[in-house]
Amino acid sequence: MRIKCPDCQHKATVYSRANTSDDMNSVYARCTNRQCEKFDHSFVSHVAFSHWINPKEAALQLTFEMLFDQLPHANRAELVQQLAARV
């Protein structure tokens, strides 16, 4: 993960972090861009857990959608009927 200076958007160096809760960390960083007004100033960014993802499931869904989009309309309708019969 890369932390950027909120002022100039260049790379910042992380020098510490603290767990503020089970799902959030405070990341202490310092701007490394000598041209930035905030060069060598410290700041705190919060990094939080958002949600779980299942890459395999997402990849399968995307593959299915891509294949479905390539089918002729008549075959799409037939496939939808077959899938509806299974539910």
PDB file of N, CA and C in Angstrom:
ATOM      1  N   MET A   1       0.844  -1.173   0.000  1.00  0.00           N
ATOM      2  CA  MET A   1       0.000   0.000   0.000  1.00  0.00           C
ATOM      3  C   MET A   1       0.890   1.236   0.000  1.00  0.00           C
ATOM      4  N   ARG A   2       0.495   2.223  -0.749  1.00  0.00           N
ATOM      5  CA  ARG A   2       1.257   3.452  -0.842  1.00  0.00           C
ATOM      6  C   ARG A   2       0.443   4.589  -0.226  1.00  0.00           C
ATOM      7  N   ILE A   3       1.070   5.340   0.628  1.00  0.00           N
ATOM      8  CA  ILE A   3       0.433   6.502   1.237  1.00  0.00           C
ATOM      9  C   ILE A   3       0.927   7.737   0.496  1.00  0.00           C
ATOM     10  N   LYS A   4      -0.001   8.652   0.173  1.00  0.00           N
ATOM     11  CA  LYS A   4       0.364   9.880  -0.535  1.00  0.00           C
ATOM     12  C   LYS A   4       0.133  11.094   0.354  1.00  0.00           C
ATOM     13  N   CYS A   5       0.944  12.102   0.138  1.00  0.00           N
ATOM     14  CA  CYS A   5       0.773  13.372   0.837  1.00  0.00           C
ATOM     15  C   CYS A   5      -0.575  13.969   0.431  1.00  0.00           C
ATOM     16  N   PRO A   6      -1.386  14.396   1.377  1.00  0.00           N
ATOM     17  CA  PRO A   6      -2.688  14.965   1.028  1.00  0.00           C
ATOM     18  C   PRO A   6      -2.567  16.323   0.337  1.00  0.00           C
ATOM     19  N   ASP A   7      -1.397  16.952   0.422  1.00  0.00           N
ATOM     20  CA  ASP A   7      -1.210  18.267  -0.203  1.00  0.00           C
ATOM     21  C   ASP A   7      -0.747  18.146  -1.653  1.00  0.00           C
ATOM     22  N   CYS A   8       0.318  17.360  -1.894  1.00  0.00           N
ATOM     23  CA  CYS A   8       0.913  17.292  -3.234  1.00  0.00           C
ATOM     24  C   CYS A   8       0.673  15.958  -3.947  1.00  0.00           C
ATOM     25  N   GLN A   9       0.154  14.972  -3.253  1.00  0.00           N
ATOM     26  CA  GLN A   9      -0.142  13.650  -3.807  1.00  0.00           C
ATOM     27  C   GLN A   9       1.095  12.821  -4.150  1.00  0.00           C
ATOM     28  N   HIS A  10       2.266  13.222  -3.682  1.00  0.00           N
ATOM     29  CA  HIS A  10       3.471  12.429  -3.891  1.00  0.00           C
ATOM     30  C   HIS A  10       3.638  11.432  -2.745  1.00  0.00           C
ATOM     31  N   LYS A  11       4.567  10.503  -2.939  1.00  0.00           N
ATOM     32  CA  LYS A  11       4.822   9.448  -1.968  1.00  0.00           C
ATOM     33  C   LYS A  11       5.162  10.029  -0.595  1.00  0.00           C
ATOM     34  N   ALA A  12       4.621   9.383   0.418  1.00  0.00           N
ATOM     35  CA  ALA A  12       4.937   9.740   1.801  1.00  0.00           C
ATOM     36  C   ALA A  12       5.540   8.516   2.476  1.00  0.00           C
ATOM     37  N   THR A  13       6.350   8.753   3.482  1.00  0.00           N
ATOM     38  CA  THR A  13       6.987   7.672   4.225  1.00  0.00           C
ATOM     39  C   THR A  13       6.204   7.408   5.506  1.00  0.00           C
ATOM     40  N   VAL A  14       5.801   6.159   5.684  1.00  0.00           N
ATOM     41  CA  VAL A  14       5.100   5.758   6.909  1.00  0.00           C
ATOM     42  C   VAL A  14       6.146   5.508   7.984  1.00  0.00           C
ATOM     43  N   TYR A  15       5.973   6.121   9.147  1.00  0.00           N
ATOM     44  CA  TYR A  15       6.930   5.905  10.219  1.00  0.00           C
ATOM     45  C   TYR A  15       6.307   5.287  11.459  1.00  0.00           C
ATOM     46  N   SER A  16       4.977   5.168  11.475  1.00  0.00           N
ATOM     47  CA  SER A  16       4.333   4.536  12.617  1.00  0.00           C
ATOM     48  C   SER A  16       2.878   4.244  12.272  1.00  0.00           C
ATOM     49  N   ARG A  17       2.289   3.354  13.050  1.00  0.00           N
ATOM     50  CA  ARG A  17       0.850   3.115  12.929  1.00  0.00           C
ATOM     51  C   ARG A  17       0.318   2.697  14.280  1.00  0.00           C
ATOM     52  N   ALA A  18      -0.969   2.919  14.459  1.00  0.00           N
ATOM     53  CA  ALA A  18      -1.605   2.549  15.721  1.00  0.00           C
ATOM     54  C   ALA A  18      -2.981   1.975  15.424  1.00  0.00           C
ATOM     55  N   ASN A  19      -3.320   0.902  16.114  1.00  0.00           N
ATOM     56  CA  ASN A  19      -4.662   0.331  15.980  1.00  0.00           C
ATOM     57  C   ASN A  19      -5.627   1.179  16.787  1.00  0.00           C
ATOM     58  N   THR A  20      -6.580   1.799  16.108  1.00  0.00           N
ATOM     59  CA  THR A  20      -7.557   2.601  16.825  1.00  0.00           C
ATOM     60  C   THR A  20      -8.805   1.802  17.152  1.00  0.00           C
ATOM     61  N   SER A  21      -9.023   0.717  16.392  1.00  0.00           N
ATOM     62  CA  SER A  21     -10.113  -0.221  16.673  1.00  0.00           C
ATOM     63  C   SER A  21      -9.793  -1.516  15.938  1.00  0.00           C
ATOM     64  N   ASP A  22     -10.674  -2.497  16.062  1.00  0.00           N
ATOM     65  CA  ASP A  22     -10.436  -3.768  15.382  1.00  0.00           C
ATOM     66  C   ASP A  22     -10.412  -3.610  13.867  1.00  0.00           C
ATOM     67  N   ASP A  23     -11.145  -2.626  13.354  1.00  0.00           N
ATOM     68  CA  ASP A  23     -11.275  -2.455  11.909  1.00  0.00           C
ATOM     69  C   ASP A  23     -10.530  -1.244  11.352  1.00  0.00           C
ATOM     70  N   MET A  24      -9.832  -0.485  12.198  1.00  0.00           N
ATOM     71  CA  MET A  24      -9.186   0.725  11.714  1.00  0.00           C
ATOM     72  C   MET A  24      -7.807   0.917  12.318  1.00  0.00           C
ATOM     73  N   ASN A  25      -6.910   1.448  11.478  1.00  0.00           N
ATOM     74  CA  ASN A  25      -5.561   1.809  11.915  1.00  0.00           C
ATOM     75  C   ASN A  25      -5.302   3.272  11.586  1.00  0.00           C
ATOM     76  N   SER A  26      -4.568   3.945  12.450  1.00  0.00           N
ATOM     77  CA  SER A  26      -4.075   5.282  12.158  1.00  0.00           C
ATOM     78  C   SER A  26      -2.656   5.118  11.637  1.00  0.00           C
ATOM     79  N   VAL A  27      -2.390   5.643  10.443  1.00  0.00           N
ATOM     80  CA  VAL A  27      -1.075   5.530   9.824  1.00  0.00           C
ATOM     81  C   VAL A  27      -0.424   6.902   9.864  1.00  0.00           C
ATOM     82  N   TYR A  28       0.744   6.972  10.504  1.00  0.00           N
ATOM     83  CA  TYR A  28       1.487   8.224  10.626  1.00  0.00           C
ATOM     84  C   TYR A  28       2.532   8.268   9.513  1.00  0.00           C
ATOM     85  N   ALA A  29       2.493   9.345   8.726  1.00  0.00           N
ATOM     86  CA  ALA A  29       3.377   9.435   7.568  1.00  0.00           C
ATOM     87  C   ALA A  29       3.939  10.854   7.447  1.00  0.00           C
ATOM     88  N   ARG A  30       4.936  10.968   6.567  1.00  0.00           N
ATOM     89  CA  ARG A  30       5.632  12.236   6.361  1.00  0.00           C
ATOM     90  C   ARG A  30       5.844  12.430   4.861  1.00  0.00           C
ATOM     91  N   CYS A  31       5.572  13.636   4.356  1.00  0.00           N
ATOM     92  CA  CYS A  31       5.752  13.948   2.943  1.00  0.00           C
ATOM     93  C   CYS A  31       7.238  13.909   2.597  1.00  0.00           C
ATOM     94  N   THR A  32       7.570  13.309   1.426  1.00  0.00           N
ATOM     95  CA  THR A  32       8.969  13.197   0.996  1.00  0.00           C
ATOM     96  C   THR A  32       9.298  14.084  -0.208  1.00  0.00           C
ATOM     97  N   ASN A  33       8.330  14.853  -0.686  1.00  0.00           N
ATOM     98  CA  ASN A  33       8.525  15.701  -1.859  1.00  0.00           C
ATOM     99  C   ASN A  33       9.128  17.048  -1.444  1.00  0.00           C
ATOM    100  N   ARG A  34      10.364  17.285  -1.789  1.00  0.00           N
ATOM    101  CA  ARG A  34      11.056  18.525  -1.408  1.00  0.00           C
ATOM    102  C   ARG A  34      10.398  19.776  -2.000  1.00  0.00           C
ATOM    103  N   GLN A  35       9.634  19.625  -3.076  1.00  0.00           N
ATOM    104  CA  GLN A  35       8.966  20.762  -3.710  1.00  0.00           C
ATOM    105  C   GLN A  35       7.629  21.110  -3.034  1.00  0.00           C
ATOM    106  N   CYS A  36       7.167  20.244  -2.163  1.00  0.00           N
ATOM    107  CA  CYS A  36       5.867  20.426  -1.508  1.00  0.00           C
ATOM    108  C   CYS A  36       5.974  21.426  -0.360  1.00  0.00           C
ATOM    109  N   GLU A  37       4.929  22.237  -0.204  1.00  0.00           N
ATOM    110  CA  GLU A  37       4.878  23.171   0.922  1.00  0.00           C
ATOM    111  C   GLU A  37       4.903  22.435   2.256  1.00  0.00           C
ATOM    112  N   LYS A  38       4.432  21.212   2.244  1.00  0.00           N
ATOM    113  CA  LYS A  38       4.343  20.415   3.479  1.00  0.00           C
ATOM    114  C   LYS A  38       5.479  19.409   3.595  1.00  0.00           C
ATOM    115  N   PHE A  39       6.558  19.593   2.825  1.00  0.00           N
ATOM    116  CA  PHE A  39       7.695  18.669   2.884  1.00  0.00           C
ATOM    117  C   PHE A  39       8.129  18.465   4.327  1.00  0.00           C
ATOM    118  N   ASP A  40       8.294  17.206   4.679  1.00  0.00           N
ATOM    119  CA  ASP A  40       8.729  16.775   6.002  1.00  0.00           C
ATOM    120  C   ASP A  40       7.683  17.027   7.091  1.00  0.00           C
ATOM    121  N   HIS A  41       6.482  17.450   6.695  1.00  0.00           N
ATOM    122  CA  HIS A  41       5.406  17.576   7.671  1.00  0.00           C
ATOM    123  C   HIS A  41       4.782  16.205   7.872  1.00  0.00           C
ATOM    124  N   SER A  42       4.318  15.939   9.076  1.00  0.00           N
ATOM    125  CA  SER A  42       3.670  14.668   9.385  1.00  0.00           C
ATOM    126  C   SER A  42       2.158  14.808   9.279  1.00  0.00           C
ATOM    127  N   PHE A  43       1.518  13.707   8.956  1.00  0.00           N
ATOM    128  CA  PHE A  43       0.058  13.668   8.894  1.00  0.00           C
ATOM    129  C   PHE A  43      -0.404  12.268   9.271  1.00  0.00           C
ATOM    130  N   VAL A  44      -1.680  12.135   9.538  1.00  0.00           N
ATOM    131  CA  VAL A  44      -2.266  10.849   9.904  1.00  0.00           C
ATOM    132  C   VAL A  44      -3.341  10.496   8.878  1.00  0.00           C
ATOM    133  N   SER A  45      -3.262   9.281   8.364  1.00  0.00           N
ATOM    134  CA  SER A  45      -4.307   8.736   7.500  1.00  0.00           C
ATOM    135  C   SER A  45      -4.933   7.556   8.231  1.00  0.00           C
ATOM    136  N   HIS A  46      -6.204   7.354   7.977  1.00  0.00           N
ATOM    137  CA  HIS A  46      -6.900   6.218   8.583  1.00  0.00           C
ATOM    138  C   HIS A  46      -7.118   5.146   7.533  1.00  0.00           C
ATOM    139  N   VAL A  47      -6.761   3.934   7.863  1.00  0.00           N
ATOM    140  CA  VAL A  47      -6.955   2.791   6.995  1.00  0.00           C
ATOM    141  C   VAL A  47      -7.959   1.881   7.688  1.00  0.00           C
ATOM    142  N   ALA A  48      -9.051   1.588   6.981  1.00  0.00           N
ATOM    143  CA  ALA A  48     -10.118   0.815   7.603  1.00  0.00           C
ATOM    144  C   ALA A  48     -10.484  -0.398   6.768  1.00  0.00           C
ATOM    145  N   PHE A  49     -10.884  -1.442   7.445  1.00  0.00           N
ATOM    146  CA  PHE A  49     -11.442  -2.614   6.778  1.00  0.00           C
ATOM    147  C   PHE A  49     -12.800  -2.227   6.225  1.00  0.00           C
ATOM    148  N   SER A  50     -13.068  -2.611   4.983  1.00  0.00           N
ATOM    149  CA  SER A  50     -14.346  -2.282   4.370  1.00  0.00           C
ATOM    150  C   SER A  50     -15.242  -3.509   4.262  1.00  0.00           C
ATOM    151  N   HIS A  51     -14.795  -4.518   3.492  1.00  0.00           N
ATOM    152  CA  HIS A  51     -15.628  -5.703   3.299  1.00  0.00           C
ATOM    153  C   HIS A  51     -14.793  -6.819   2.692  1.00  0.00           C
ATOM    154  N   TRP A  52     -15.314  -8.012   2.810  1.00  0.00           N
ATOM    155  CA  TRP A  52     -14.671  -9.179   2.223  1.00  0.00           C
ATOM    156  C   TRP A  52     -15.058  -9.274   0.764  1.00  0.00           C
ATOM    157  N   ILE A  53     -14.153  -9.772  -0.044  1.00  0.00           N
ATOM    158  CA  ILE A  53     -14.471 -10.072  -1.433  1.00  0.00           C
ATOM    159  C   ILE A  53     -14.070 -11.509  -1.706  1.00  0.00           C
ATOM    160  N   ASN A  54     -14.721 -12.098  -2.666  1.00  0.00           N
ATOM    161  CA  ASN A  54     -14.395 -13.455  -3.046  1.00  0.00           C
ATOM    162  C   ASN A  54     -13.934 -13.405  -4.496  1.00  0.00           C
ATOM    163  N   PRO A  55     -12.633 -13.315  -4.733  1.00  0.00           N
ATOM    164  CA  PRO A  55     -12.141 -13.158  -6.105  1.00  0.00           C
ATOM    165  C   PRO A  55     -12.591 -14.260  -7.050  1.00  0.00           C
ATOM    166  N   LYS A  56     -12.638 -15.494  -6.567  1.00  0.00           N
ATOM    167  CA  LYS A  56     -13.042 -16.598  -7.430  1.00  0.00           C
ATOM    168  C   LYS A  56     -14.476 -16.392  -7.894  1.00  0.00           C
ATOM    169  N   GLU A  57     -15.344 -16.039  -6.969  1.00  0.00           N
ATOM    170  CA  GLU A  57     -16.746 -15.831  -7.311  1.00  0.00           C
ATOM    171  C   GLU A  57     -16.904 -14.650  -8.267  1.00  0.00           C
ATOM    172  N   ALA A  58     -16.178 -13.581  -8.013  1.00  0.00           N
ATOM    173  CA  ALA A  58     -16.252 -12.402  -8.883  1.00  0.00           C
ATOM    174  C   ALA A  58     -15.744 -12.730 -10.278  1.00  0.00           C
ATOM    175  N   ALA A  59     -14.668 -13.506 -10.369  1.00  0.00           N
ATOM    176  CA  ALA A  59     -14.114 -13.886 -11.677  1.00  0.00           C
ATOM    177  C   ALA A  59     -15.092 -14.774 -12.433  1.00  0.00           C
ATOM    178  N   LEU A  60     -15.728 -15.710 -11.739  1.00  0.00           N
ATOM    179  CA  LEU A  60     -16.713 -16.577 -12.384  1.00  0.00           C
ATOM    180  C   LEU A  60     -17.905 -15.768 -12.900  1.00  0.00           C
ATOM    181  N   GLN A  61     -18.352 -14.823 -12.108  1.00  0.00           N
ATOM    182  CA  GLN A  61     -19.480 -13.981 -12.510  1.00  0.00           C
ATOM    183  C   GLN A  61     -19.129 -13.175 -13.761  1.00  0.00           C
ATOM    184  N   LEU A  62     -17.936 -12.582 -13.777  1.00  0.00           N
ATOM    185  CA  LEU A  62     -17.497 -11.802 -14.929  1.00  0.00           C
ATOM    186  C   LEU A  62     -17.367 -12.685 -16.171  1.00  0.00           C
ATOM    187  N   THR A  63     -16.801 -13.874 -16.015  1.00  0.00           N
ATOM    188  CA  THR A  63     -16.659 -14.802 -17.134  1.00  0.00           C
ATOM    189  C   THR A  63     -18.026 -15.201 -17.673  1.00  0.00           C
ATOM    190  N   PHE A  64     -18.945 -15.519 -16.771  1.00  0.00           N
ATOM    191  CA  PHE A  64     -20.292 -15.889 -17.192  1.00  0.00           C
ATOM    192  C   PHE A  64     -20.947 -14.753 -17.969  1.00  0.00           C
ATOM    193  N   GLU A  65     -20.838 -13.527 -17.459  1.00  0.00           N
ATOM    194  CA  GLU A  65     -21.452 -12.378 -18.126  1.00  0.00           C
ATOM    195  C   GLU A  65     -20.848 -12.155 -19.509  1.00  0.00           C
ATOM    196  N   MET A  66     -19.531 -12.312 -19.629  1.00  0.00           N
ATOM    197  CA  MET A  66     -18.875 -12.127 -20.922  1.00  0.00           C
ATOM    198  C   MET A  66     -19.340 -13.190 -21.917  1.00  0.00           C
ATOM    199  N   LEU A  67     -19.424 -14.439 -21.472  1.00  0.00           N
ATOM    200  CA  LEU A  67     -19.890 -15.514 -22.345  1.00  0.00           C
ATOM    201  C   LEU A  67     -21.350 -15.312 -22.738  1.00  0.00           C
ATOM    202  N   PHE A  68     -22.177 -14.938 -21.772  1.00  0.00           N
ATOM    203  CA  PHE A  68     -23.600 -14.707 -22.025  1.00  0.00           C
ATOM    204  C   PHE A  68     -23.788 -13.608 -23.067  1.00  0.00           C
ATOM    205  N   ASP A  69     -22.992 -12.529 -22.954  1.00  0.00           N
ATOM    206  CA  ASP A  69     -23.089 -11.423 -23.907  1.00  0.00           C
ATOM    207  C   ASP A  69     -22.717 -11.838 -25.330  1.00  0.00           C
ATOM    208  N   GLN A  70     -21.913 -12.896 -25.475  1.00  0.00           N
ATOM    209  CA  GLN A  70     -21.491 -13.362 -26.802  1.00  0.00           C
ATOM    210  C   GLN A  70     -22.504 -14.289 -27.472  1.00  0.00           C
ATOM    211  N   LEU A  71     -23.467 -14.785 -26.695  1.00  0.00           N
ATOM    212  CA  LEU A  71     -24.466 -15.705 -27.252  1.00  0.00           C
ATOM    213  C   LEU A  71     -25.454 -14.960 -28.152  1.00  0.00           C
ATOM    214  N   PRO A  72     -25.904 -15.627 -29.221  1.00  0.00           N
ATOM    215  CA  PRO A  72     -27.000 -15.060 -30.022  1.00  0.00           C
ATOM    216  C   PRO A  72     -28.263 -14.959 -29.155  1.00  0.00           C
ATOM    217  N   HIS A  73     -29.122 -14.041 -29.503  1.00  0.00           N
ATOM    218  CA  HIS A  73     -30.312 -13.767 -28.687  1.00  0.00           C
ATOM    219  C   HIS A  73     -31.146 -15.030 -28.427  1.00  0.00           C
ATOM    220  N   ALA A  74     -31.336 -15.851 -29.428  1.00  0.00           N
ATOM    221  CA  ALA A  74     -32.143 -17.074 -29.269  1.00  0.00           C
ATOM    222  C   ALA A  74     -31.514 -18.014 -28.241  1.00  0.00           C
ATOM    223  N   ASN A  75     -30.201 -18.126 -28.270  1.00  0.00           N
ATOM    224  CA  ASN A  75     -29.525 -18.997 -27.305  1.00  0.00           C
ATOM    225  C   ASN A  75     -29.588 -18.415 -25.892  1.00  0.00           C
ATOM    226  N   ARG A  76     -29.577 -17.098 -25.801  1.00  0.00           N
ATOM    227  CA  ARG A  76     -29.710 -16.461 -24.476  1.00  0.00           C
ATOM    228  C   ARG A  76     -31.053 -16.828 -23.858  1.00  0.00           C
ATOM    229  N   ALA A  77     -32.115 -16.689 -24.654  1.00  0.00           N
ATOM    230  CA  ALA A  77     -33.457 -16.988 -24.148  1.00  0.00           C
ATOM    231  C   ALA A  77     -33.560 -18.450 -23.721  1.00  0.00           C
ATOM    232  N   GLU A  78     -32.985 -19.344 -24.512  1.00  0.00           N
ATOM    233  CA  GLU A  78     -33.001 -20.775 -24.174  1.00  0.00           C
ATOM    234  C   GLU A  78     -32.251 -21.029 -22.869  1.00  0.00           C
ATOM    235  N   LEU A  79     -31.099 -20.407 -22.711  1.00  0.00           N
ATOM    236  CA  LEU A  79     -30.304 -20.573 -21.492  1.00  0.00           C
ATOM    237  C   LEU A  79     -31.047 -20.035 -20.273  1.00  0.00           C
ATOM    238  N   VAL A  80     -31.679 -18.896 -20.417  1.00  0.00           N
ATOM    239  CA  VAL A  80     -32.451 -18.322 -19.307  1.00  0.00           C
ATOM    240  C   VAL A  80     -33.570 -19.267 -18.895  1.00  0.00           C
ATOM    241  N   GLN A  81     -34.253 -19.874 -19.876  1.00  0.00           N
ATOM    242  CA  GLN A  81     -35.334 -20.824 -19.562  1.00  0.00           C
ATOM    243  C   GLN A  81     -34.779 -22.055 -18.820  1.00  0.00           C
ATOM    244  N   GLN A  82     -33.628 -22.558 -19.278  1.00  0.00           N
ATOM    245  CA  GLN A  82     -33.009 -23.727 -18.636  1.00  0.00           C
ATOM    246  C   GLN A  82     -32.602 -23.398 -17.203  1.00  0.00           C
ATOM    247  N   LEU A  83     -32.050 -22.235 -17.005  1.00  0.00           N
ATOM    248  CA  LEU A  83     -31.626 -21.834 -15.650  1.00  0.00           C
ATOM    249  C   LEU A  83     -32.842 -21.615 -14.752  1.00  0.00           C
ATOM    250  N   ALA A  84     -33.894 -21.045 -15.284  1.00  0.00           N
ATOM    251  CA  ALA A  84     -35.118 -20.809 -14.495  1.00  0.00           C
ATOM    252  C   ALA A  84     -35.746 -22.127 -14.069  1.00  0.00           C
ATOM    253  N   ALA A  85     -35.619 -23.138 -14.888  1.00  0.00           N
ATOM    254  CA  ALA A  85     -36.178 -24.446 -14.558  1.00  0.00           C
ATOM    255  C   ALA A  85     -35.428 -25.092 -13.403  1.00  0.00           C
ATOM    256  N   ARG A  86     -34.177 -24.738 -13.217  1.00  0.00           N
ATOM    257  CA  ARG A  86     -33.369 -25.315 -12.128  1.00  0.00           C
ATOM    258  C   ARG A  86     -33.641 -24.653 -10.777  1.00  0.00           C
ATOM    259  N   VAL A  87     -34.184 -23.467 -10.812  1.00  0.00           N
ATOM    260  CA  VAL A  87     -34.369 -22.725  -9.548  1.00  0.00           C
ATOM    261  C   VAL A  87     -35.580 -23.166  -8.811  1.00  0.00           C
TER     262      VAL A  87
END
